[in-house]
Protein backbone atom coordinates (compact mmCIF):
# COMPACT_ATOMS: atom_id res chain seq x y z
CA MET A 1 -19.60 -5.73 -19.12
CA THR A 2 -23.05 -7.33 -19.12
CA LEU A 3 -24.80 -9.87 -16.95
CA ARG A 4 -24.91 -12.20 -19.90
CA ALA A 5 -21.07 -11.99 -20.43
CA THR A 6 -20.55 -12.43 -16.73
CA ALA A 7 -22.57 -15.63 -16.73
CA ARG A 8 -20.63 -16.88 -19.71
CA ALA A 9 -17.29 -16.14 -17.94
CA VAL A 10 -18.20 -18.01 -14.96
CA GLY A 11 -19.96 -20.91 -16.75
CA VAL A 12 -23.51 -20.56 -15.47
CA SER A 13 -26.82 -19.97 -17.34
CA HIS A 14 -27.34 -16.55 -18.78
CA ALA A 15 -30.32 -16.07 -16.43
CA ALA A 16 -28.41 -16.92 -13.21
CA PRO A 17 -26.85 -13.50 -12.51
CA ALA A 18 -30.02 -11.64 -13.17
CA GLY A 19 -31.92 -13.95 -10.93
CA HIS A 20 -29.33 -13.55 -8.13
CA PHE A 21 -28.33 -9.89 -8.46
CA GLY A 22 -31.26 -8.39 -10.46
CA ASP A 23 -29.02 -6.07 -12.72
CA LEU A 24 -25.51 -5.10 -13.54
CA THR A 25 -25.43 -2.33 -10.96
CA SER A 26 -26.43 -4.70 -8.22
CA LEU A 27 -23.75 -7.16 -9.25
CA LEU A 28 -21.11 -4.41 -9.49
CA SER A 29 -22.22 -3.14 -6.06
CA GLU A 30 -21.78 -6.45 -4.46
CA LEU A 31 -18.34 -6.76 -6.07
CA ALA A 32 -17.46 -3.37 -4.68
CA ALA A 33 -18.65 -4.32 -1.21
CA LEU A 34 -16.32 -7.26 -1.39
CA GLY A 35 -13.54 -4.94 -2.31
CA TYR A 36 -14.35 -2.52 0.50
CA ARG A 37 -14.37 -5.48 3.06
CA ARG A 38 -10.97 -6.81 1.90
CA PHE A 39 -9.74 -3.10 1.77
CA GLY A 40 -10.84 -2.51 5.47
CA VAL A 41 -9.06 -5.69 6.64
CA ALA A 42 -5.88 -4.69 4.82
CA LEU A 43 -5.88 -1.27 6.38
CA MET A 44 -6.63 -2.56 9.95
CA GLU A 45 -3.93 -5.32 9.65
CA ALA A 46 -1.40 -2.73 8.60
CA VAL A 47 -2.35 -0.39 11.45
CA ASP A 48 -2.33 -3.28 14.03
CA ALA A 49 1.03 -4.30 12.93
CA ALA A 50 2.54 -0.90 13.11
CA GLY A 51 2.44 -0.56 16.80
CA GLY A 52 1.40 2.34 18.91
CA ASN A 53 3.16 5.35 17.27
CA PRO A 54 0.46 7.34 15.48
CA ARG A 55 2.91 8.50 12.72
CA VAL A 56 4.12 4.94 12.08
CA ARG A 57 0.44 3.82 12.04
CA MET A 58 -0.66 6.53 9.49
CA LYS A 59 2.28 5.67 7.23
CA ALA A 60 1.61 1.94 7.49
CA MET A 61 -2.15 2.71 6.44
CA GLY A 62 -0.86 4.77 3.46
CA ARG A 63 1.31 1.91 2.30
CA ALA A 64 -1.63 -0.54 2.74
CA TYR A 65 -3.91 1.65 0.73
CA VAL A 66 -1.51 2.04 -2.04
CA GLY A 67 -0.69 -1.68 -1.81
CA PHE A 68 -4.29 -2.74 -2.06
CA ALA A 69 -4.70 -0.59 -5.22
CA ARG A 70 -1.54 -2.10 -6.77
CA LYS A 71 -2.70 -5.65 -5.91
CA HIS A 72 -6.34 -5.20 -7.08
CA PRO A 73 -6.34 -2.32 -9.61
CA GLY A 74 -9.64 -3.43 -11.25
CA LEU A 75 -11.41 -3.90 -7.96
CA PHE A 76 -10.07 -0.63 -6.72
CA ALA A 77 -11.09 1.31 -9.67
CA LEU A 78 -14.68 -0.25 -9.48
CA MET A 79 -14.77 0.73 -5.75
CA TYR A 80 -14.55 4.38 -6.80
CA ARG A 81 -16.88 4.18 -9.78
CA SER A 82 -19.77 5.89 -8.11
CA GLU A 83 -21.92 5.93 -11.34
CA ARG A 84 -21.80 2.15 -11.57
CA LEU A 85 -22.64 1.49 -7.89
CA ASP A 86 -25.88 1.44 -5.88
CA PHE A 87 -25.06 3.06 -2.47
CA ALA A 88 -28.37 2.06 -1.09
CA ARG A 89 -27.52 -1.63 -1.06
CA PRO A 90 -26.74 -2.57 2.59
CA ALA A 91 -23.74 -4.70 1.85
CA LEU A 92 -21.97 -1.79 0.05
CA ARG A 93 -22.97 0.87 2.68
CA ASP A 94 -21.83 -1.33 5.56
CA ALA A 95 -18.44 -2.27 3.84
CA ILE A 96 -17.79 1.35 2.97
CA ALA A 97 -18.61 2.35 6.59
CA ASN A 98 -16.11 -0.37 7.95
CA ALA A 99 -13.41 0.92 5.69
CA ARG A 100 -13.93 4.43 6.54
CA GLY A 101 -14.02 3.44 10.30
CA ALA A 102 -10.50 1.97 9.99
CA LEU A 103 -9.33 5.23 8.33
CA ARG A 104 -10.97 7.26 10.99
CA ALA A 105 -9.59 4.98 13.80
CA ALA A 106 -6.11 5.59 12.61
CA ALA A 107 -6.49 9.31 12.15
CA SER A 108 -8.03 9.76 15.53
CA ALA A 109 -5.30 7.78 17.32
CA ARG A 110 -3.06 10.83 16.95
CA ALA A 111 -2.22 12.51 20.16
CA PRO A 112 -1.92 16.18 19.26
CA ALA A 113 -0.92 18.75 21.73
CA GLU A 114 -4.40 20.26 21.41
CA PRO A 115 -7.53 18.25 20.52
CA LEU A 116 -8.61 18.82 16.94
CA THR A 117 -11.88 20.38 16.05
CA PRO A 118 -14.34 18.43 13.83
CA LEU A 119 -13.26 20.57 10.91
CA GLN A 120 -9.56 20.09 11.49
CA MET A 121 -10.15 16.30 11.84
CA ALA A 122 -12.04 16.19 8.56
CA ALA A 123 -9.42 18.40 6.85
CA GLN A 124 -6.54 16.18 8.01
CA SER A 125 -8.49 12.97 6.92
CA THR A 126 -9.32 14.46 3.61
CA ALA A 127 -5.78 15.58 2.99
CA LEU A 128 -4.28 12.21 3.98
CA TRP A 129 -6.99 10.32 1.67
CA ALA A 130 -6.28 12.64 -1.14
CA LEU A 131 -2.65 11.99 -0.85
CA VAL A 132 -2.68 8.20 -0.88
CA HIS A 133 -5.64 7.88 -3.16
CA GLY A 134 -4.01 10.28 -5.69
CA PHE A 135 -0.76 8.38 -5.53
CA ALA A 136 -2.62 5.14 -5.83
CA VAL A 137 -4.51 6.17 -8.95
CA LEU A 138 -1.39 7.79 -10.60
CA LEU A 139 0.59 4.67 -10.04
CA ILE A 140 -1.83 2.09 -11.34
CA ASP A 141 -2.65 4.34 -14.40
CA GLY A 142 1.02 4.45 -15.22
CA ARG A 143 1.32 8.11 -14.62
CA LEU A 144 4.38 7.96 -12.38
CA SER A 145 6.22 5.48 -14.66
CA GLY A 146 8.33 8.25 -16.25
CA LEU A 147 9.02 9.84 -12.92
CA ILE A 148 10.04 6.55 -11.35
CA ALA A 149 12.22 5.64 -14.30
CA SER A 150 14.13 8.90 -13.91
CA LEU A 151 15.10 8.19 -10.40
CA PRO A 152 18.33 6.38 -9.47
CA GLU A 153 18.21 2.65 -10.10
CA GLU A 154 17.73 1.72 -6.46
CA GLU A 155 14.56 3.78 -6.23
CA SER A 156 11.11 2.37 -6.87
CA ALA A 157 7.39 3.14 -6.44
CA ASP A 158 7.82 1.92 -2.86
CA THR A 159 10.57 4.31 -2.14
CA LEU A 160 8.76 7.21 -3.90
CA LEU A 161 5.77 6.60 -1.79
CA GLU A 162 7.79 6.51 1.52
CA ALA A 163 9.33 9.86 0.45
CA VAL A 164 5.89 11.39 -0.45
CA LEU A 165 4.57 10.16 3.03
CA ALA A 166 7.67 11.67 4.77
CA THR A 167 7.37 14.88 2.94
CA ALA A 168 3.63 15.23 3.72
CA ARG A 169 4.56 14.61 7.33
CA VAL A 170 1.67 12.13 7.59
CA GLY A 171 0.39 11.82 11.17
CA GLU A 172 1.93 14.90 12.60
């Protein structure tokens, strides 16, 4: 991907993207920021629709995370391509912070018997993120196709995700 190819694809002069974005990293960073904004909205909508039960909210967020990756695989991949992005760009920094805020809000909505320490909260958040991010990447990369095909006919990627979330006891 080059700025010139991008200009050609959208039908503008070859100098237009460089004049607006400066370089390819800036363009990709702005696209990733757009992705993170959409991602944050998807996460918050899922959590808001799930009601007040923390476990249900966390599972809804997991489904929304994987659903976003499935619906926008190229954008999702770009969002996690650190070597192609400029994290100093305010739009990208703010969009990532908002998406992380949605994740944190759902994780902190738990009502554990005892309050979690900062380390425990970080560990829980990381475990949940790794679970859904890993599942999403495996799914969009086709790495789960054989496993899903080996399941009974009524099972799908969605039912596998539900089983994974239940097995992991998300939100407990």
